[in-house]
Amino acid sequence: MSQVTDDELNWGLIAWVIPLAGGVIGLIMRPNSNYVKHWSYLSLAFGLVIIVTDIVLIVLSMIVAPIWPLLMLVRILGYLVGLVFFVVWVVGVVRERGMVYWRPSLIYDVARMLGAQ
């Protein structure tokens, strides 16, 4: 692994800790740093995955709203998905602090579609 400066570590952390917006800030502030780019694209992808998942859950809950037991299942699913997102976020912070180029499955695939290398 190449040498990563403290400045790049800080911008990588900012990029990951604030999904979506942190990625944009990281790409603007350190466009030539591969380390910051990696975490910025993951942040953008993570934010997009969260938004799309929330939209799907909202639409699904509106569809099943008249059927109370199904609505409760969708809400429980929403809480579980939120918990999974939180765990992924915490693991990402730990990996970023450890200077590991982490590639979580779905998020990394979306990041590659966005233009990550």
N, C-alpha and C. Protein backbone atom coordinates (compact mmCIF):
# COMPACT_ATOMS: atom_id res chain seq x y z
N MET A 1 0.84 -1.17 0.00
CA MET A 1 0.00 0.00 0.00
C MET A 1 0.89 1.23 0.00
N SER A 2 0.49 2.24 -0.76
CA SER A 2 1.27 3.45 -0.82
C SER A 2 1.12 4.25 0.47
N GLN A 3 1.97 5.22 0.61
CA GLN A 3 1.96 6.06 1.79
C GLN A 3 0.72 6.94 1.81
N VAL A 4 -0.03 6.91 2.88
CA VAL A 4 -1.23 7.73 3.04
C VAL A 4 -0.94 8.77 4.10
N THR A 5 -1.12 10.04 3.76
CA THR A 5 -0.82 11.12 4.70
C THR A 5 -1.96 11.26 5.72
N ASP A 6 -1.66 11.96 6.80
CA ASP A 6 -2.68 12.23 7.82
C ASP A 6 -3.84 13.02 7.23
N ASP A 7 -3.52 13.94 6.33
CA ASP A 7 -4.56 14.74 5.69
C ASP A 7 -5.50 13.85 4.87
N GLU A 8 -4.94 12.91 4.13
CA GLU A 8 -5.77 11.98 3.36
C GLU A 8 -6.61 11.10 4.28
N LEU A 9 -6.02 10.67 5.40
CA LEU A 9 -6.78 9.87 6.37
C LEU A 9 -7.97 10.66 6.91
N ASN A 10 -7.76 11.92 7.22
CA ASN A 10 -8.85 12.74 7.74
C ASN A 10 -9.94 12.94 6.70
N TRP A 11 -9.57 13.21 5.45
CA TRP A 11 -10.57 13.40 4.40
C TRP A 11 -11.27 12.09 4.06
N GLY A 12 -10.56 10.99 4.16
CA GLY A 12 -11.21 9.69 3.96
C GLY A 12 -12.24 9.42 5.04
N LEU A 13 -11.91 9.78 6.28
CA LEU A 13 -12.85 9.61 7.39
C LEU A 13 -14.07 10.50 7.20
N ILE A 14 -13.85 11.75 6.84
CA ILE A 14 -14.97 12.67 6.60
C ILE A 14 -15.86 12.13 5.49
N ALA A 15 -15.23 11.62 4.44
CA ALA A 15 -16.01 11.09 3.32
C ALA A 15 -16.90 9.94 3.76
N TRP A 16 -16.39 9.05 4.57
CA TRP A 16 -17.18 7.88 4.96
C TRP A 16 -18.19 8.19 6.07
N VAL A 17 -17.82 9.04 7.02
CA VAL A 17 -18.68 9.30 8.17
C VAL A 17 -19.97 10.03 7.76
N ILE A 18 -19.91 10.83 6.70
CA ILE A 18 -21.09 11.56 6.24
C ILE A 18 -21.48 10.99 4.87
N PRO A 19 -22.29 9.92 4.84
CA PRO A 19 -22.63 9.32 3.55
C PRO A 19 -23.23 10.34 2.59
N LEU A 20 -22.87 10.22 1.34
CA LEU A 20 -23.30 11.06 0.23
C LEU A 20 -22.61 12.41 0.26
N ALA A 21 -22.94 13.28 1.21
CA ALA A 21 -22.35 14.62 1.25
C ALA A 21 -20.84 14.56 1.52
N GLY A 22 -20.42 13.67 2.41
CA GLY A 22 -18.99 13.53 2.69
C GLY A 22 -18.22 13.06 1.47
N GLY A 23 -18.85 12.21 0.67
CA GLY A 23 -18.21 11.76 -0.56
C GLY A 23 -17.99 12.89 -1.54
N VAL A 24 -18.98 13.74 -1.67
CA VAL A 24 -18.86 14.90 -2.57
C VAL A 24 -17.76 15.83 -2.06
N ILE A 25 -17.76 16.09 -0.76
CA ILE A 25 -16.74 16.97 -0.17
C ILE A 25 -15.35 16.38 -0.37
N GLY A 26 -15.20 15.08 -0.15
CA GLY A 26 -13.90 14.43 -0.33
C GLY A 26 -13.41 14.52 -1.76
N LEU A 27 -14.30 14.32 -2.72
CA LEU A 27 -13.90 14.40 -4.13
C LEU A 27 -13.53 15.82 -4.53
N ILE A 28 -14.17 16.80 -3.92
CA ILE A 28 -13.86 18.20 -4.24
C ILE A 28 -12.54 18.61 -3.59
N MET A 29 -12.33 18.22 -2.33
CA MET A 29 -11.16 18.68 -1.60
C MET A 29 -9.88 17.93 -1.96
N ARG A 30 -9.96 16.66 -2.25
CA ARG A 30 -8.77 15.86 -2.58
C ARG A 30 -9.02 15.00 -3.82
N PRO A 31 -9.17 15.63 -4.99
CA PRO A 31 -9.50 14.86 -6.20
C PRO A 31 -8.36 13.96 -6.69
N ASN A 32 -7.13 14.21 -6.28
CA ASN A 32 -6.00 13.43 -6.78
C ASN A 32 -5.55 12.32 -5.85
N SER A 33 -6.19 12.20 -4.70
CA SER A 33 -5.81 11.18 -3.73
C SER A 33 -6.63 9.91 -3.98
N ASN A 34 -5.95 8.82 -4.31
CA ASN A 34 -6.66 7.56 -4.54
C ASN A 34 -7.35 7.06 -3.28
N TYR A 35 -6.73 7.30 -2.12
CA TYR A 35 -7.33 6.86 -0.86
C TYR A 35 -8.64 7.61 -0.60
N VAL A 36 -8.62 8.92 -0.74
CA VAL A 36 -9.83 9.72 -0.51
C VAL A 36 -10.88 9.41 -1.57
N LYS A 37 -10.44 9.21 -2.81
CA LYS A 37 -11.39 8.85 -3.88
C LYS A 37 -12.11 7.54 -3.56
N HIS A 38 -11.35 6.55 -3.09
CA HIS A 38 -11.94 5.25 -2.76
C HIS A 38 -13.06 5.43 -1.74
N TRP A 39 -12.78 6.12 -0.64
CA TRP A 39 -13.77 6.29 0.41
C TRP A 39 -14.88 7.24 0.00
N SER A 40 -14.57 8.21 -0.85
CA SER A 40 -15.61 9.14 -1.32
C SER A 40 -16.61 8.42 -2.21
N TYR A 41 -16.12 7.60 -3.13
CA TYR A 41 -17.04 6.86 -3.99
C TYR A 41 -17.86 5.85 -3.20
N LEU A 42 -17.24 5.21 -2.20
CA LEU A 42 -18.01 4.31 -1.34
C LEU A 42 -19.08 5.09 -0.57
N SER A 43 -18.75 6.28 -0.12
CA SER A 43 -19.70 7.11 0.61
C SER A 43 -20.88 7.49 -0.29
N LEU A 44 -20.57 7.89 -1.51
CA LEU A 44 -21.64 8.23 -2.46
C LEU A 44 -22.54 7.02 -2.71
N ALA A 45 -21.93 5.88 -2.93
CA ALA A 45 -22.70 4.66 -3.20
C ALA A 45 -23.52 4.25 -1.98
N PHE A 46 -22.91 4.34 -0.80
CA PHE A 46 -23.62 3.98 0.43
C PHE A 46 -24.83 4.89 0.64
N GLY A 47 -24.64 6.18 0.43
CA GLY A 47 -25.75 7.12 0.55
C GLY A 47 -26.86 6.83 -0.44
N LEU A 48 -26.49 6.51 -1.67
CA LEU A 48 -27.50 6.18 -2.68
C LEU A 48 -28.24 4.89 -2.34
N VAL A 49 -27.52 3.89 -1.84
CA VAL A 49 -28.16 2.64 -1.45
C VAL A 49 -29.15 2.89 -0.30
N ILE A 50 -28.78 3.72 0.64
CA ILE A 50 -29.68 4.06 1.75
C ILE A 50 -30.93 4.74 1.22
N ILE A 51 -30.77 5.72 0.35
CA ILE A 51 -31.91 6.46 -0.19
C ILE A 51 -32.84 5.55 -0.99
N VAL A 52 -32.28 4.74 -1.87
CA VAL A 52 -33.11 3.85 -2.69
C VAL A 52 -33.84 2.84 -1.81
N THR A 53 -33.15 2.30 -0.82
CA THR A 53 -33.78 1.34 0.08
C THR A 53 -34.92 1.99 0.87
N ASP A 54 -34.69 3.22 1.35
CA ASP A 54 -35.74 3.92 2.07
C ASP A 54 -36.95 4.19 1.18
N ILE A 55 -36.72 4.58 -0.06
CA ILE A 55 -37.83 4.83 -0.98
C ILE A 55 -38.61 3.55 -1.22
N VAL A 56 -37.90 2.45 -1.44
CA VAL A 56 -38.58 1.16 -1.66
C VAL A 56 -39.42 0.79 -0.43
N LEU A 57 -38.87 0.96 0.76
CA LEU A 57 -39.61 0.62 1.98
C LEU A 57 -40.82 1.54 2.17
N ILE A 58 -40.68 2.80 1.84
CA ILE A 58 -41.81 3.73 1.96
C ILE A 58 -42.93 3.35 1.00
N VAL A 59 -42.58 3.08 -0.25
CA VAL A 59 -43.58 2.68 -1.23
C VAL A 59 -44.23 1.37 -0.81
N LEU A 60 -43.43 0.43 -0.36
CA LEU A 60 -43.97 -0.85 0.08
C LEU A 60 -44.92 -0.68 1.27
N SER A 61 -44.56 0.19 2.20
CA SER A 61 -45.44 0.40 3.35
C SER A 61 -46.73 1.10 2.94
N MET A 62 -46.69 1.96 1.94
CA MET A 62 -47.92 2.60 1.46
C MET A 62 -48.82 1.59 0.76
N ILE A 63 -48.22 0.64 0.07
CA ILE A 63 -49.00 -0.38 -0.62
C ILE A 63 -49.70 -1.30 0.37
N VAL A 64 -48.99 -1.70 1.42
CA VAL A 64 -49.56 -2.66 2.37
C VAL A 64 -50.21 -1.99 3.56
N ALA A 65 -50.36 -0.66 3.55
CA ALA A 65 -50.94 0.07 4.68
C ALA A 65 -52.30 -0.45 5.13
N PRO A 66 -53.20 -0.83 4.22
CA PRO A 66 -54.49 -1.33 4.69
C PRO A 66 -54.42 -2.68 5.39
N ILE A 67 -53.35 -3.40 5.19
CA ILE A 67 -53.22 -4.73 5.78
C ILE A 67 -52.24 -4.62 6.95
N TRP A 68 -52.80 -4.45 8.15
CA TRP A 68 -52.00 -4.15 9.32
C TRP A 68 -50.85 -5.13 9.58
N PRO A 69 -51.06 -6.45 9.53
CA PRO A 69 -49.93 -7.37 9.80
C PRO A 69 -48.78 -7.20 8.79
N LEU A 70 -49.10 -6.98 7.53
CA LEU A 70 -48.04 -6.78 6.54
C LEU A 70 -47.31 -5.46 6.76
N LEU A 71 -48.06 -4.45 7.18
CA LEU A 71 -47.44 -3.15 7.47
C LEU A 71 -46.44 -3.30 8.63
N MET A 72 -46.81 -4.06 9.63
CA MET A 72 -45.89 -4.29 10.76
C MET A 72 -44.64 -5.03 10.29
N LEU A 73 -44.80 -6.00 9.40
CA LEU A 73 -43.63 -6.72 8.86
C LEU A 73 -42.71 -5.79 8.08
N VAL A 74 -43.30 -4.89 7.29
CA VAL A 74 -42.49 -3.94 6.53
C VAL A 74 -41.76 -3.00 7.48
N ARG A 75 -42.43 -2.57 8.54
CA ARG A 75 -41.77 -1.69 9.51
C ARG A 75 -40.64 -2.41 10.23
N ILE A 76 -40.87 -3.66 10.61
CA ILE A 76 -39.80 -4.44 11.25
C ILE A 76 -38.64 -4.62 10.28
N LEU A 77 -38.95 -4.89 9.02
CA LEU A 77 -37.90 -5.00 7.99
C LEU A 77 -37.12 -3.69 7.88
N GLY A 78 -37.83 -2.58 7.95
CA GLY A 78 -37.17 -1.27 7.90
C GLY A 78 -36.19 -1.08 9.06
N TYR A 79 -36.60 -1.49 10.26
CA TYR A 79 -35.70 -1.38 11.41
C TYR A 79 -34.48 -2.29 11.25
N LEU A 80 -34.69 -3.48 10.75
CA LEU A 80 -33.58 -4.41 10.54
C LEU A 80 -32.61 -3.89 9.47
N VAL A 81 -33.16 -3.33 8.41
CA VAL A 81 -32.31 -2.76 7.35
C VAL A 81 -31.52 -1.58 7.91
N GLY A 82 -32.16 -0.76 8.74
CA GLY A 82 -31.45 0.35 9.38
C GLY A 82 -30.32 -0.14 10.26
N LEU A 83 -30.55 -1.22 10.97
CA LEU A 83 -29.51 -1.80 11.82
C LEU A 83 -28.34 -2.31 10.97
N VAL A 84 -28.66 -2.95 9.85
CA VAL A 84 -27.62 -3.44 8.94
C VAL A 84 -26.81 -2.26 8.39
N PHE A 85 -27.49 -1.18 8.00
CA PHE A 85 -26.78 0.00 7.51
C PHE A 85 -25.85 0.57 8.59
N PHE A 86 -26.32 0.59 9.83
CA PHE A 86 -25.49 1.10 10.92
C PHE A 86 -24.25 0.23 11.11
N VAL A 87 -24.42 -1.08 11.08
CA VAL A 87 -23.28 -1.99 11.24
C VAL A 87 -22.29 -1.81 10.09
N VAL A 88 -22.78 -1.70 8.87
CA VAL A 88 -21.90 -1.47 7.71
C VAL A 88 -21.15 -0.15 7.88
N TRP A 89 -21.84 0.86 8.35
CA TRP A 89 -21.21 2.17 8.56
C TRP A 89 -20.09 2.08 9.60
N VAL A 90 -20.36 1.40 10.72
CA VAL A 90 -19.34 1.26 11.78
C VAL A 90 -18.16 0.44 11.28
N VAL A 91 -18.43 -0.65 10.58
CA VAL A 91 -17.33 -1.46 10.03
C VAL A 91 -16.51 -0.61 9.04
N GLY A 92 -17.19 0.22 8.26
CA GLY A 92 -16.49 1.09 7.33
C GLY A 92 -15.58 2.08 8.04
N VAL A 93 -16.05 2.65 9.15
CA VAL A 93 -15.21 3.57 9.92
C VAL A 93 -13.98 2.84 10.45
N VAL A 94 -14.17 1.64 10.96
CA VAL A 94 -13.04 0.85 11.48
C VAL A 94 -12.06 0.52 10.36
N ARG A 95 -12.59 0.12 9.20
CA ARG A 95 -11.71 -0.21 8.07
C ARG A 95 -10.97 1.02 7.56
N GLU A 96 -11.65 2.15 7.52
CA GLU A 96 -11.00 3.38 7.05
C GLU A 96 -9.88 3.78 8.00
N ARG A 97 -10.15 3.71 9.29
CA ARG A 97 -9.11 4.05 10.27
C ARG A 97 -7.94 3.08 10.19
N GLY A 98 -8.19 1.85 9.78
CA GLY A 98 -7.13 0.86 9.64
C GLY A 98 -6.44 0.93 8.28
N MET A 99 -6.82 1.91 7.47
CA MET A 99 -6.26 2.13 6.12
C MET A 99 -6.42 0.90 5.24
N VAL A 100 -7.57 0.26 5.33
CA VAL A 100 -7.89 -0.91 4.52
C VAL A 100 -8.81 -0.48 3.39
N TYR A 101 -8.45 -0.81 2.18
CA TYR A 101 -9.31 -0.51 1.03
C TYR A 101 -10.44 -1.53 1.01
N TRP A 102 -11.50 -1.22 1.72
CA TRP A 102 -12.63 -2.12 1.91
C TRP A 102 -13.52 -2.09 0.69
N ARG A 103 -14.06 -3.25 0.32
CA ARG A 103 -14.93 -3.36 -0.84
C ARG A 103 -16.20 -4.15 -0.50
N PRO A 104 -17.13 -3.53 0.23
CA PRO A 104 -18.39 -4.23 0.54
C PRO A 104 -19.17 -4.50 -0.74
N SER A 105 -19.74 -5.68 -0.84
CA SER A 105 -20.32 -6.18 -2.09
C SER A 105 -21.20 -5.19 -2.84
N LEU A 106 -22.38 -4.95 -2.41
CA LEU A 106 -23.33 -4.11 -3.15
C LEU A 106 -22.84 -2.67 -3.26
N ILE A 107 -22.32 -2.15 -2.18
CA ILE A 107 -21.88 -0.76 -2.16
C ILE A 107 -20.72 -0.55 -3.13
N TYR A 108 -19.77 -1.45 -3.16
CA TYR A 108 -18.63 -1.32 -4.07
C TYR A 108 -19.08 -1.44 -5.53
N ASP A 109 -20.05 -2.30 -5.79
CA ASP A 109 -20.57 -2.43 -7.17
C ASP A 109 -21.21 -1.12 -7.62
N VAL A 110 -21.98 -0.48 -6.74
CA VAL A 110 -22.58 0.81 -7.08
C VAL A 110 -21.49 1.85 -7.26
N ALA A 111 -20.48 1.84 -6.39
CA ALA A 111 -19.37 2.80 -6.50
C ALA A 111 -18.64 2.65 -7.83
N ARG A 112 -18.47 1.42 -8.28
CA ARG A 112 -17.82 1.21 -9.58
C ARG A 112 -18.67 1.77 -10.71
N MET A 113 -20.00 1.63 -10.60
CA MET A 113 -20.88 2.22 -11.61
C MET A 113 -20.78 3.75 -11.61
N LEU A 114 -20.49 4.33 -10.44
CA LEU A 114 -20.36 5.77 -10.34
C LEU A 114 -19.03 6.27 -10.89
N GLY A 115 -18.07 5.37 -11.06
CA GLY A 115 -16.81 5.77 -11.65
C GLY A 115 -15.58 5.49 -10.82
N ALA A 116 -15.73 4.79 -9.72
CA ALA A 116 -14.57 4.45 -8.89
C ALA A 116 -13.69 3.46 -9.64
N GLN A 117 -12.42 3.47 -9.29
CA GLN A 117 -11.45 2.60 -9.99
C GLN A 117 -11.26 1.31 -9.28
